Amino acid sequence: MEINIAGAGAGKTTKMSDKIILLRNQIDENKKIFCVAFTNSAVDCIRRKLCEHYVQIPENIIVSTIHSFLYREIIKPYYHLLYGKKYEKISISDLPQDAKYKNAKIKRLDELNVLHQTVIPEHAKWVLCKKSKDTKSIKDGRVIIKNAIAKYCGAICIDEAQDIDKHMQEIIEELSRMGIPMLLMGDPKQDLKGFKCLRNLMSIYKQNVRYISECHRCPQLHLELSNCLVDENEKQKSEKDSGQLSIYYESEIDCRTLIESQKYDLMYIS
């Protein structure tokens, strides 16, 4: 397992694409390389980068969202072989905030052979890792399934790795134990959901962590401020010398007027 840690503006998508191209030249051409991300926009970015190199992405490079990968490659072909249930559809409908009603809706969908996307990682984990009360026949079947997956899977590259949850962490570790090369690219500082699973993997596989320090987005002056707030290994550096820092007190200015009065080289996200 290779874990690449890179901050904002480090060119993570480009580096991921370059690694995929390198992997394709190294592995058996009959094996597939899966590149997965957590958002459609990230998937589109990776596809564009690969198209810049290949024009048309080769058939053995599969780029998709993480949920699509888990459903298409693990749940759909194998779940029913272990647990006797075949899901016909995926639901992306909104769920109630209350846990009781949320679980009830997921259960109703399950009874209709519809799998809600929020439980896809957990179901995929049951296929690859374990589920409580597994029988011997299920455990034996799981061994056969994992051997089958390992035969055609040449590598798995995961972008936005800071978004992996506990189920996905178990899946990643199991896939690695199966001998499948795993490449993770992410920034634990952007773990907005607070899963901390990328940090966990960094702690477990310290010898496999590579820190990428360059930043192509901000000048060094800005990084000197942000570097005060991060771990030593995650500090960034830039070759840009331009830029300035200004301090404004909200009580003394009108924020909207300040933003609208000057053309900043920034994108404001509400």
C-alpha atoms as a PDB file:
ATOM      1  CA  MET A   1       0.000   0.000   0.000  1.00  0.00           C
ATOM      2  CA  GLU A   2       1.298   3.433  -0.952  1.00  0.00           C
ATOM      3  CA  ILE A   3      -0.140   6.473   0.843  1.00  0.00           C
ATOM      4  CA  ASN A   4       0.528   9.889  -0.684  1.00  0.00           C
ATOM      5  CA  ILE A   5      -0.230  12.918   1.479  1.00  0.00           C
ATOM      6  CA  ALA A   6      -0.523  16.220  -0.360  1.00  0.00           C
ATOM      7  CA  GLY A   7      -2.050  19.537   0.644  1.00  0.00           C
ATOM      8  CA  ALA A   8      -4.211  21.908  -1.358  1.00  0.00           C
ATOM      9  CA  GLY A   9      -2.679  22.994  -4.649  1.00  0.00           C
ATOM     10  CA  ALA A  10      -0.149  20.155  -4.781  1.00  0.00           C
ATOM     11  CA  GLY A  11      -1.441  18.818  -8.100  1.00  0.00           C
ATOM     12  CA  LYS A  12      -2.947  15.649  -6.635  1.00  0.00           C
ATOM     13  CA  THR A  13      -5.095  14.882  -9.679  1.00  0.00           C
ATOM     14  CA  THR A  14      -2.149  15.203 -12.070  1.00  0.00           C
ATOM     15  CA  LYS A  15       0.036  13.019  -9.849  1.00  0.00           C
ATOM     16  CA  MET A  16      -2.723  10.420  -9.584  1.00  0.00           C
ATOM     17  CA  SER A  17      -3.127  10.339 -13.370  1.00  0.00           C
ATOM     18  CA  ASP A  18       0.638  10.005 -13.865  1.00  0.00           C
ATOM     19  CA  LYS A  19       0.714   7.084 -11.432  1.00  0.00           C
ATOM     20  CA  ILE A  20      -2.133   5.325 -13.262  1.00  0.00           C
ATOM     21  CA  ILE A  21      -0.275   5.687 -16.563  1.00  0.00           C
ATOM     22  CA  LEU A  22       2.883   4.278 -14.949  1.00  0.00           C
ATOM     23  CA  LEU A  23       0.986   1.361 -13.419  1.00  0.00           C
ATOM     24  CA  ARG A  24      -0.553   0.444 -16.762  1.00  0.00           C
ATOM     25  CA  ASN A  25       2.929   0.076 -18.220  1.00  0.00           C
ATOM     26  CA  GLN A  26       3.994  -2.170 -15.348  1.00  0.00           C
ATOM     27  CA  ILE A  27       1.145  -4.650 -14.852  1.00  0.00           C
ATOM     28  CA  ASP A  28      -0.310  -7.447 -16.957  1.00  0.00           C
ATOM     29  CA  GLU A  29      -2.383  -5.909 -19.763  1.00  0.00           C
ATOM     30  CA  ASN A  30      -5.191  -8.363 -18.996  1.00  0.00           C
ATOM     31  CA  LYS A  31      -5.616  -6.927 -15.505  1.00  0.00           C
ATOM     32  CA  LYS A  32      -7.733  -3.887 -14.696  1.00  0.00           C
ATOM     33  CA  ILE A  33      -6.675  -0.700 -12.940  1.00  0.00           C
ATOM     34  CA  PHE A  34      -9.431   0.917 -10.909  1.00  0.00           C
ATOM     35  CA  CYS A  35      -9.256   4.610 -10.080  1.00  0.00           C
ATOM     36  CA  VAL A  36     -11.955   5.694  -7.665  1.00  0.00           C
ATOM     37  CA  ALA A  37     -12.926   8.996  -6.066  1.00  0.00           C
ATOM     38  CA  PHE A  38     -15.714  10.146  -3.796  1.00  0.00           C
ATOM     39  CA  THR A  39     -17.287  12.814  -6.020  1.00  0.00           C
ATOM     40  CA  ASN A  40     -18.364  12.978  -9.647  1.00  0.00           C
ATOM     41  CA  SER A  41     -16.322  16.159 -10.119  1.00  0.00           C
ATOM     42  CA  ALA A  42     -13.128  14.407  -8.995  1.00  0.00           C
ATOM     43  CA  VAL A  43     -13.898  11.500 -11.337  1.00  0.00           C
ATOM     44  CA  ASP A  44     -14.354  13.937 -14.229  1.00  0.00           C
ATOM     45  CA  CYS A  45     -11.038  15.661 -13.421  1.00  0.00           C
ATOM     46  CA  ILE A  46      -9.138  12.377 -13.470  1.00  0.00           C
ATOM     47  CA  ARG A  47     -10.791  11.348 -16.734  1.00  0.00           C
ATOM     48  CA  ARG A  48      -9.795  14.651 -18.344  1.00  0.00           C
ATOM     49  CA  LYS A  49      -6.184  14.215 -17.239  1.00  0.00           C
ATOM     50  CA  LEU A  50      -6.057  10.670 -18.599  1.00  0.00           C
ATOM     51  CA  CYS A  51      -7.624  11.794 -21.884  1.00  0.00           C
ATOM     52  CA  GLU A  52      -4.853  14.381 -22.259  1.00  0.00           C
ATOM     53  CA  HIS A  53      -2.424  11.455 -22.391  1.00  0.00           C
ATOM     54  CA  TYR A  54      -4.418   8.678 -24.062  1.00  0.00           C
ATOM     55  CA  VAL A  55      -7.079  10.685 -25.965  1.00  0.00           C
ATOM     56  CA  GLN A  56      -9.341   7.699 -25.295  1.00  0.00           C
ATOM     57  CA  ILE A  57      -8.978   5.979 -21.924  1.00  0.00           C
ATOM     58  CA  PRO A  58      -7.924   2.313 -22.353  1.00  0.00           C
ATOM     59  CA  GLU A  59     -10.518  -0.345 -21.545  1.00  0.00           C
ATOM     60  CA  ASN A  60      -8.489  -1.755 -18.666  1.00  0.00           C
ATOM     61  CA  ILE A  61      -8.486   1.587 -16.802  1.00  0.00           C
ATOM     62  CA  ILE A  62     -11.797   2.032 -14.977  1.00  0.00           C
ATOM     63  CA  VAL A  63     -12.515   5.457 -13.454  1.00  0.00           C
ATOM     64  CA  SER A  64     -15.586   5.753 -11.235  1.00  0.00           C
ATOM     65  CA  THR A  65     -16.958   6.893  -7.902  1.00  0.00           C
ATOM     66  CA  ILE A  66     -16.186   4.747  -4.885  1.00  0.00           C
ATOM     67  CA  HIS A  67     -19.811   3.655  -4.509  1.00  0.00           C
ATOM     68  CA  SER A  68     -20.040   2.647  -8.152  1.00  0.00           C
ATOM     69  CA  PHE A  69     -16.848   0.595  -7.831  1.00  0.00           C
ATOM     70  CA  LEU A  70     -17.958  -1.211  -4.679  1.00  0.00           C
ATOM     71  CA  TYR A  71     -21.390  -2.018  -6.091  1.00  0.00           C
ATOM     72  CA  ARG A  72     -20.311  -3.025  -9.593  1.00  0.00           C
ATOM     73  CA  GLU A  73     -17.185  -5.003  -8.709  1.00  0.00           C
ATOM     74  CA  ILE A  74     -18.018  -6.495  -5.306  1.00  0.00           C
ATOM     75  CA  ILE A  75     -21.683  -6.377  -4.294  1.00  0.00           C
ATOM     76  CA  LYS A  76     -23.490  -7.045  -7.574  1.00  0.00           C
ATOM     77  CA  PRO A  77     -21.465 -10.091  -8.701  1.00  0.00           C
ATOM     78  CA  TYR A  78     -20.723 -11.655  -5.313  1.00  0.00           C
ATOM     79  CA  TYR A  79     -23.062 -10.573  -2.489  1.00  0.00           C
ATOM     80  CA  HIS A  80     -25.854 -12.979  -3.449  1.00  0.00           C
ATOM     81  CA  LEU A  81     -23.396 -15.879  -3.579  1.00  0.00           C
ATOM     82  CA  LEU A  82     -22.647 -15.423   0.122  1.00  0.00           C
ATOM     83  CA  TYR A  83     -25.903 -14.111   1.532  1.00  0.00           C
ATOM     84  CA  GLY A  84     -28.552 -15.220  -0.977  1.00  0.00           C
ATOM     85  CA  LYS A  85     -29.835 -11.717  -1.712  1.00  0.00           C
ATOM     86  CA  LYS A  86     -29.502  -9.999  -5.076  1.00  0.00           C
ATOM     87  CA  TYR A  87     -29.990  -6.229  -5.197  1.00  0.00           C
ATOM     88  CA  GLU A  88     -31.681  -4.936  -8.330  1.00  0.00           C
ATOM     89  CA  LYS A  89     -31.346  -1.187  -7.826  1.00  0.00           C
ATOM     90  CA  ILE A  90     -29.428   1.514  -5.966  1.00  0.00           C
ATOM     91  CA  SER A  91     -31.280   4.318  -4.181  1.00  0.00           C
ATOM     92  CA  ILE A  92     -29.838   7.794  -3.687  1.00  0.00           C
ATOM     93  CA  SER A  93     -32.970   9.190  -2.035  1.00  0.00           C
ATOM     94  CA  ASP A  94     -32.662  11.471   0.978  1.00  0.00           C
ATOM     95  CA  LEU A  95     -32.827   9.794   4.369  1.00  0.00           C
ATOM     96  CA  PRO A  96     -34.405  11.141   7.579  1.00  0.00           C
ATOM     97  CA  GLN A  97     -32.006  12.690  10.087  1.00  0.00           C
ATOM     98  CA  ASP A  98     -33.448  10.683  12.959  1.00  0.00           C
ATOM     99  CA  ALA A  99     -31.554   7.379  13.182  1.00  0.00           C
ATOM    100  CA  LYS A 100     -34.707   5.372  13.928  1.00  0.00           C
ATOM    101  CA  TYR A 101     -36.543   6.552  10.812  1.00  0.00           C
ATOM    102  CA  LYS A 102     -33.371   6.456   8.743  1.00  0.00           C
ATOM    103  CA  ASN A 103     -32.772   2.781   9.539  1.00  0.00           C
ATOM    104  CA  ALA A 104     -36.442   1.990   8.946  1.00  0.00           C
ATOM    105  CA  LYS A 105     -36.308   3.476   5.446  1.00  0.00           C
ATOM    106  CA  ILE A 106     -33.100   1.613   4.616  1.00  0.00           C
ATOM    107  CA  LYS A 107     -34.757  -1.611   5.813  1.00  0.00           C
ATOM    108  CA  ARG A 108     -37.869  -0.998   3.668  1.00  0.00           C
ATOM    109  CA  LEU A 109     -35.690  -0.454   0.617  1.00  0.00           C
ATOM    110  CA  ASP A 110     -33.726  -3.600   1.432  1.00  0.00           C
ATOM    111  CA  GLU A 111     -36.939  -5.633   1.528  1.00  0.00           C
ATOM    112  CA  LEU A 112     -37.602  -4.430  -2.033  1.00  0.00           C
ATOM    113  CA  ASN A 113     -34.098  -5.555  -3.095  1.00  0.00           C
ATOM    114  CA  VAL A 114     -33.010  -1.917  -3.306  1.00  0.00           C
ATOM    115  CA  LEU A 115     -29.707  -0.932  -1.708  1.00  0.00           C
ATOM    116  CA  HIS A 116     -29.284   2.612  -0.434  1.00  0.00           C
ATOM    117  CA  GLN A 117     -25.933   4.087  -1.422  1.00  0.00           C
ATOM    118  CA  THR A 118     -25.066   5.011   2.177  1.00  0.00           C
ATOM    119  CA  VAL A 119     -24.784   1.328   3.144  1.00  0.00           C
ATOM    120  CA  ILE A 120     -22.813   0.235   0.071  1.00  0.00           C
ATOM    121  CA  PRO A 121     -19.402   0.321   1.855  1.00  0.00           C
ATOM    122  CA  GLU A 122     -20.723  -1.788   4.735  1.00  0.00           C
ATOM    123  CA  HIS A 123     -22.216  -4.418   2.404  1.00  0.00           C
ATOM    124  CA  ALA A 124     -19.000  -4.540   0.371  1.00  0.00           C
ATOM    125  CA  LYS A 125     -17.082  -5.030   3.614  1.00  0.00           C
ATOM    126  CA  TRP A 126     -19.277  -8.024   4.445  1.00  0.00           C
ATOM    127  CA  VAL A 127     -18.322  -9.610   1.122  1.00  0.00           C
ATOM    128  CA  LEU A 128     -14.561  -9.068   1.481  1.00  0.00           C
ATOM    129  CA  CYS A 129     -13.994  -9.108   5.239  1.00  0.00           C
ATOM    130  CA  LYS A 130     -16.671 -10.584   7.463  1.00  0.00           C
ATOM    131  CA  LYS A 131     -20.151 -10.309   8.867  1.00  0.00           C
ATOM    132  CA  SER A 132     -21.215 -11.450  12.297  1.00  0.00           C
ATOM    133  CA  LYS A 133     -22.587 -15.002  12.387  1.00  0.00           C
ATOM    134  CA  ASP A 134     -20.906 -16.025   9.138  1.00  0.00           C
ATOM    135  CA  THR A 135     -21.107 -19.780   8.630  1.00  0.00           C
ATOM    136  CA  LYS A 136     -18.226 -21.968   7.475  1.00  0.00           C
ATOM    137  CA  SER A 137     -19.688 -22.183   3.970  1.00  0.00           C
ATOM    138  CA  ILE A 138     -19.812 -18.367   3.760  1.00  0.00           C
ATOM    139  CA  LYS A 139     -16.211 -18.108   4.935  1.00  0.00           C
ATOM    140  CA  ASP A 140     -15.118 -20.696   2.380  1.00  0.00           C
ATOM    141  CA  GLY A 141     -17.042 -18.878  -0.342  1.00  0.00           C
ATOM    142  CA  ARG A 142     -15.374 -15.612   0.597  1.00  0.00           C
ATOM    143  CA  VAL A 143     -11.934 -17.137   0.003  1.00  0.00           C
ATOM    144  CA  ILE A 144     -12.969 -18.192  -3.508  1.00  0.00           C
ATOM    145  CA  ILE A 145     -14.395 -14.721  -4.244  1.00  0.00           C
ATOM    146  CA  LYS A 146     -11.247 -12.927  -3.072  1.00  0.00           C
ATOM    147  CA  ASN A 147      -9.069 -15.171  -5.206  1.00  0.00           C
ATOM    148  CA  ALA A 148     -11.248 -14.367  -8.221  1.00  0.00           C
ATOM    149  CA  ILE A 149     -10.991 -10.604  -7.617  1.00  0.00           C
ATOM    150  CA  ALA A 150      -7.208 -10.751  -7.158  1.00  0.00           C
ATOM    151  CA  LYS A 151      -6.801 -12.476 -10.532  1.00  0.00           C
ATOM    152  CA  TYR A 152      -8.237  -9.609 -12.599  1.00  0.00           C
ATOM    153  CA  CYS A 153      -7.519  -6.585 -10.386  1.00  0.00           C
ATOM    154  CA  GLY A 154      -4.099  -5.132 -11.181  1.00  0.00           C
ATOM    155  CA  ALA A 155      -4.242  -2.073  -8.908  1.00  0.00           C
ATOM    156  CA  ILE A 156      -6.663   0.260  -7.142  1.00  0.00           C
ATOM    157  CA  CYS A 157      -6.011   4.011  -6.898  1.00  0.00           C
ATOM    158  CA  ILE A 158      -8.107   6.033  -4.465  1.00  0.00           C
ATOM    159  CA  ASP A 159      -8.340   9.812  -4.765  1.00  0.00           C
ATOM    160  CA  GLU A 160      -9.723  12.014  -1.949  1.00  0.00           C
ATOM    161  CA  ALA A 161      -8.636   9.320   0.510  1.00  0.00           C
ATOM    162  CA  GLN A 162      -9.414  11.613   3.448  1.00  0.00           C
ATOM    163  CA  ASP A 163     -13.108  10.779   2.884  1.00  0.00           C
ATOM    164  CA  ILE A 164     -12.837   7.046   3.565  1.00  0.00           C
ATOM    165  CA  ASP A 165     -14.911   5.769   6.496  1.00  0.00           C
ATOM    166  CA  LYS A 166     -14.321   2.825   8.839  1.00  0.00           C
ATOM    167  CA  HIS A 167     -15.911   0.326   6.436  1.00  0.00           C
ATOM    168  CA  MET A 168     -13.806   1.552   3.538  1.00  0.00           C
ATOM    169  CA  GLN A 169     -10.677   1.401   5.684  1.00  0.00           C
ATOM    170  CA  GLU A 170     -11.299  -2.281   6.386  1.00  0.00           C
ATOM    171  CA  ILE A 171     -11.910  -2.914   2.686  1.00  0.00           C
ATOM    172  CA  ILE A 172      -8.668  -1.160   1.697  1.00  0.00           C
ATOM    173  CA  GLU A 173      -6.627  -3.138   4.206  1.00  0.00           C
ATOM    174  CA  GLU A 174      -8.181  -6.422   3.070  1.00  0.00           C
ATOM    175  CA  LEU A 175      -7.566  -5.662  -0.609  1.00  0.00           C
ATOM    176  CA  SER A 176      -3.946  -4.898   0.261  1.00  0.00           C
ATOM    177  CA  ARG A 177      -3.622  -8.210   2.128  1.00  0.00           C
ATOM    178  CA  MET A 178      -4.966  -9.912  -1.008  1.00  0.00           C
ATOM    179  CA  GLY A 179      -1.847  -8.696  -2.816  1.00  0.00           C
ATOM    180  CA  ILE A 180      -3.554  -5.979  -4.851  1.00  0.00           C
ATOM    181  CA  PRO A 181      -1.386  -2.822  -5.168  1.00  0.00           C
ATOM    182  CA  MET A 182      -3.185   0.062  -3.447  1.00  0.00           C
ATOM    183  CA  LEU A 183      -2.419   3.739  -4.048  1.00  0.00           C
ATOM    184  CA  LEU A 184      -4.049   6.363  -1.837  1.00  0.00           C
ATOM    185  CA  MET A 185      -3.902  10.105  -2.469  1.00  0.00           C
ATOM    186  CA  GLY A 186      -5.372  12.544   0.013  1.00  0.00           C
ATOM    187  CA  ASP A 187      -5.072  15.351   2.523  1.00  0.00           C
ATOM    188  CA  PRO A 188      -6.070  14.511   6.115  1.00  0.00           C
ATOM    189  CA  LYS A 189      -6.503  18.233   6.803  1.00  0.00           C
ATOM    190  CA  GLN A 190      -9.516  18.127   4.460  1.00  0.00           C
ATOM    191  CA  ASP A 191     -11.244  15.375   6.438  1.00  0.00           C
ATOM    192  CA  LEU A 192     -14.368  17.496   6.860  1.00  0.00           C
ATOM    193  CA  LYS A 193     -16.518  14.584   8.053  1.00  0.00           C
ATOM    194  CA  GLY A 194     -14.083  13.743  10.827  1.00  0.00           C
ATOM    195  CA  PHE A 195     -13.681  10.045   9.988  1.00  0.00           C
ATOM    196  CA  LYS A 196      -9.917  10.163  10.736  1.00  0.00           C
ATOM    197  CA  CYS A 197      -9.502   6.896   8.812  1.00  0.00           C
ATOM    198  CA  LEU A 198      -6.753   8.239   6.564  1.00  0.00           C
ATOM    199  CA  ARG A 199      -4.862   9.269   9.707  1.00  0.00           C
ATOM    200  CA  ASN A 200      -5.374   5.736  11.019  1.00  0.00           C
ATOM    201  CA  LEU A 201      -3.879   4.223   7.877  1.00  0.00           C
ATOM    202  CA  MET A 202      -0.972   6.679   8.023  1.00  0.00           C
ATOM    203  CA  SER A 203      -0.279   5.526  11.576  1.00  0.00           C
ATOM    204  CA  ILE A 204      -0.517   1.811  10.735  1.00  0.00           C
ATOM    205  CA  TYR A 205       1.534   1.987   7.528  1.00  0.00           C
ATOM    206  CA  LYS A 206       4.053   4.682   8.472  1.00  0.00           C
ATOM    207  CA  GLN A 207       6.748   3.194   6.264  1.00  0.00           C
ATOM    208  CA  ASN A 208       4.461   3.519   3.222  1.00  0.00           C
ATOM    209  CA  VAL A 209       3.576   7.206   3.653  1.00  0.00           C
ATOM    210  CA  ARG A 210       5.006   9.732   1.192  1.00  0.00           C
ATOM    211  CA  TYR A 211       4.595  13.457   1.819  1.00  0.00           C
ATOM    212  CA  ILE A 212       4.298  15.804  -1.158  1.00  0.00           C
ATOM    213  CA  SER A 213       5.286  19.294  -0.041  1.00  0.00           C
ATOM    214  CA  GLU A 214       5.008  21.456  -3.153  1.00  0.00           C
ATOM    215  CA  CYS A 215       2.149  23.904  -3.617  1.00  0.00           C
ATOM    216  CA  HIS A 216       1.380  25.446  -7.004  1.00  0.00           C
ATOM    217  CA  ARG A 217      -1.583  27.506  -5.831  1.00  0.00           C
ATOM    218  CA  CYS A 218      -0.325  29.916  -3.165  1.00  0.00           C
ATOM    219  CA  PRO A 219       2.793  32.066  -2.745  1.00  0.00           C
ATOM    220  CA  GLN A 220       5.254  31.210   0.012  1.00  0.00           C
ATOM    221  CA  LEU A 221       4.070  34.162   2.086  1.00  0.00           C
ATOM    222  CA  HIS A 222       0.637  32.567   2.476  1.00  0.00           C
ATOM    223  CA  LEU A 223       2.104  29.156   3.225  1.00  0.00           C
ATOM    224  CA  GLU A 224       4.195  30.547   6.059  1.00  0.00           C
ATOM    225  CA  LEU A 225       0.919  31.310   7.816  1.00  0.00           C
ATOM    226  CA  SER A 226      -0.810  28.004   7.057  1.00  0.00           C
ATOM    227  CA  ASN A 227       2.330  26.029   7.924  1.00  0.00           C
ATOM    228  CA  CYS A 228       2.033  27.283  11.492  1.00  0.00           C
ATOM    229  CA  LEU A 229      -1.128  25.205  11.862  1.00  0.00           C
ATOM    230  CA  VAL A 230      -0.114  21.813  10.436  1.00  0.00           C
ATOM    231  CA  ASP A 231       2.138  18.889  11.292  1.00  0.00           C
ATOM    232  CA  GLU A 232       5.799  19.235  10.372  1.00  0.00           C
ATOM    233  CA  ASN A 233       5.592  16.543   7.676  1.00  0.00           C
ATOM    234  CA  GLU A 234       2.604  18.234   6.034  1.00  0.00           C
ATOM    235  CA  LYS A 235       4.092  21.709   5.656  1.00  0.00           C
ATOM    236  CA  GLN A 236       4.133  23.024   2.101  1.00  0.00           C
ATOM    237  CA  LYS A 237       6.474  25.176   0.052  1.00  0.00           C
ATOM    238  CA  SER A 238       6.034  27.263  -3.063  1.00  0.00           C
ATOM    239  CA  GLU A 239       8.306  28.839  -5.652  1.00  0.00           C
ATOM    240  CA  LYS A 240       5.970  31.833  -5.965  1.00  0.00           C
ATOM    241  CA  ASP A 241       7.247  35.013  -4.312  1.00  0.00           C
ATOM    242  CA  SER A 242       4.270  37.279  -5.008  1.00  0.00           C
ATOM    243  CA  GLY A 243       1.230  37.830  -2.821  1.00  0.00           C
ATOM    244  CA  GLN A 244       0.467  39.702   0.361  1.00  0.00           C
ATOM    245  CA  LEU A 245      -1.303  39.207   3.659  1.00  0.00           C
ATOM    246  CA  SER A 246      -3.670  41.748   5.166  1.00  0.00           C
ATOM    247  CA  ILE A 247      -5.537  41.637   8.455  1.00  0.00           C
ATOM    248  CA  TYR A 248      -9.029  43.082   8.789  1.00  0.00           C
ATOM    249  CA  TYR A 249     -11.248  43.133  11.847  1.00  0.00           C
ATOM    250  CA  GLU A 250     -14.824  42.207  11.047  1.00  0.00           C
ATOM    251  CA  SER A 251     -16.122  44.796  13.511  1.00  0.00           C
ATOM    252  CA  GLU A 252     -14.410  47.578  11.549  1.00  0.00           C
ATOM    253  CA  ILE A 253     -15.353  46.701   7.948  1.00  0.00           C
ATOM    254  CA  ASP A 254     -18.226  45.572   5.796  1.00  0.00           C
ATOM    255  CA  CYS A 255     -17.190  42.168   4.433  1.00  0.00           C
ATOM    256  CA  ARG A 256     -19.376  42.317   1.319  1.00  0.00           C
ATOM    257  CA  THR A 257     -17.993  45.722   0.352  1.00  0.00           C
ATOM    258  CA  LEU A 258     -14.423  44.499   0.855  1.00  0.00           C
ATOM    259  CA  ILE A 259     -14.932  41.441  -1.344  1.00  0.00           C
ATOM    260  CA  GLU A 260     -16.716  43.347  -4.094  1.00  0.00           C
ATOM    261  CA  SER A 261     -14.304  46.283  -4.129  1.00  0.00           C
ATOM    262  CA  GLN A 262     -11.236  44.393  -5.331  1.00  0.00           C
ATOM    263  CA  LYS A 263     -10.507  41.604  -7.793  1.00  0.00           C
ATOM    264  CA  TYR A 264      -8.954  38.922  -5.661  1.00  0.00           C
ATOM    265  CA  ASP A 265      -7.323  35.853  -7.188  1.00  0.00           C
ATOM    266  CA  LEU A 266      -9.626  33.649  -5.140  1.00  0.00           C
ATOM    267  CA  MET A 267     -12.882  31.754  -5.318  1.00  0.00           C
ATOM    268  CA  TYR A 268     -15.293  32.454  -2.472  1.00  0.00           C
ATOM    269  CA  ILE A 269     -17.352  29.490  -1.294  1.00  0.00           C
ATOM    270  CA  SER A 270     -20.334  30.040   0.956  1.00  0.00           C
END
